[in-house]
Amino acid sequence: MKRSLLITATCLALAGCGQPATLNGVRYPTHGFLDKDTNKSEKICYELSIGNVVWSALTLPSVVLPVYFVGFSLYNPVRVKAANGGCGFDDK
């Protein structure tokens, strides 16, 4: 029982890994702490990739994979910013 719950929880957590998005015909990549100056667009709203946070925690002993996940693929583009420049729930 515990094993099946663990497998299900892991699959659900990893289903949300970093994904680039095409918004208004333009492809926007994911970004992290190391490439936010080059890959982050000021016109796009981003959300934290929970799958990549989980992967970072699980692969912490390897050092290389967490650096990739946190440094280059931590935030996913989700939508274009509102006319007022906001990304909140009420900003549309």
Protein backbone atom coordinates (compact mmCIF):
# COMPACT_ATOMS: atom_id res chain seq x y z
CA MET A 1 0.00 0.00 0.00
CA LYS A 2 2.74 2.45 0.96
CA ARG A 3 4.68 1.66 -2.17
CA SER A 4 1.74 2.30 -4.50
CA LEU A 5 1.02 5.61 -2.73
CA LEU A 6 4.65 6.62 -3.09
CA ILE A 7 4.68 5.74 -6.79
CA THR A 8 1.43 7.63 -7.37
CA ALA A 9 2.64 10.69 -5.47
CA THR A 10 5.93 10.67 -7.37
CA CYS A 11 4.18 10.40 -10.73
CA LEU A 12 1.83 13.25 -9.88
CA ALA A 13 4.69 15.46 -8.69
CA LEU A 14 6.79 14.78 -11.77
CA ALA A 15 3.94 15.38 -14.17
CA GLY A 16 4.40 19.12 -13.74
CA CYS A 17 8.07 19.35 -14.76
CA GLY A 18 9.38 22.40 -16.62
CA GLN A 19 7.73 23.00 -19.99
CA PRO A 20 8.35 25.84 -22.45
CA ALA A 21 5.15 27.44 -23.75
CA THR A 22 4.01 28.98 -27.01
CA LEU A 23 2.02 32.13 -26.28
CA ASN A 24 0.72 34.37 -29.07
CA GLY A 25 2.84 32.44 -31.57
CA VAL A 26 6.11 32.99 -29.70
CA ARG A 27 7.95 30.15 -27.92
CA TYR A 28 9.06 31.11 -24.38
CA PRO A 29 11.57 28.86 -22.56
CA THR A 30 11.68 27.99 -18.89
CA HIS A 31 14.14 29.90 -16.74
CA GLY A 32 15.94 29.57 -13.42
CA PHE A 33 18.25 31.54 -11.21
CA LEU A 34 21.28 31.25 -13.51
CA ASP A 35 19.65 32.35 -16.76
CA LYS A 36 16.91 34.73 -15.68
CA ASP A 37 18.71 37.67 -17.31
CA THR A 38 18.68 35.99 -20.73
CA ASN A 39 15.60 33.73 -20.78
CA LYS A 40 13.04 35.60 -18.69
CA SER A 41 10.62 37.82 -20.60
CA GLU A 42 9.12 40.89 -18.94
CA LYS A 43 5.90 40.29 -20.94
CA ILE A 44 5.20 36.81 -19.51
CA CYS A 45 3.94 35.49 -16.17
CA TYR A 46 5.89 32.56 -14.72
CA GLU A 47 5.02 29.93 -12.11
CA LEU A 48 7.24 27.66 -10.04
CA SER A 49 7.71 24.16 -11.46
CA ILE A 50 6.89 21.86 -8.53
CA GLY A 51 8.11 18.83 -10.49
CA ASN A 52 11.57 20.36 -10.85
CA VAL A 53 11.67 21.21 -7.14
CA VAL A 54 10.90 17.55 -6.36
CA TRP A 55 13.52 16.35 -8.84
CA SER A 56 16.06 18.71 -7.28
CA ALA A 57 15.39 17.30 -3.82
CA LEU A 58 15.51 13.69 -5.01
CA THR A 59 18.75 14.13 -6.95
CA LEU A 60 20.51 16.37 -4.43
CA PRO A 61 23.43 13.96 -3.89
CA SER A 62 24.34 14.11 -7.59
CA VAL A 63 24.84 17.94 -7.44
CA VAL A 64 24.68 18.30 -11.26
CA LEU A 65 20.95 17.70 -11.72
CA PRO A 66 19.81 20.10 -8.98
CA VAL A 67 22.02 22.82 -10.49
CA TYR A 68 20.28 22.30 -13.84
CA PHE A 69 16.76 22.22 -12.41
CA VAL A 70 17.17 25.24 -10.13
CA GLY A 71 19.53 27.16 -12.38
CA PHE A 72 17.87 26.75 -15.76
CA SER A 73 14.38 25.23 -15.48
CA LEU A 74 12.71 26.33 -12.24
CA TYR A 75 9.96 28.58 -13.63
CA ASN A 76 7.44 27.80 -16.39
CA PRO A 77 5.90 30.45 -18.65
CA VAL A 78 2.12 30.33 -18.18
CA ARG A 79 0.46 33.39 -19.74
CA VAL A 80 0.98 36.85 -21.15
CA LYS A 81 0.92 39.64 -18.56
CA ALA A 82 -2.20 41.78 -18.31
CA ALA A 83 -2.35 45.30 -19.71
CA ASN A 84 -1.55 46.68 -16.25
CA GLY A 85 1.55 44.47 -16.07
CA GLY A 86 0.17 42.21 -13.34
CA CYS A 87 0.22 38.44 -13.08
CA GLY A 88 -2.28 37.99 -10.28
CA PHE A 89 -5.62 36.21 -10.39
CA ASP A 90 -7.57 39.44 -10.92
CA ASP A 91 -5.18 40.83 -13.56
CA LYS A 92 -6.57 39.93 -16.97
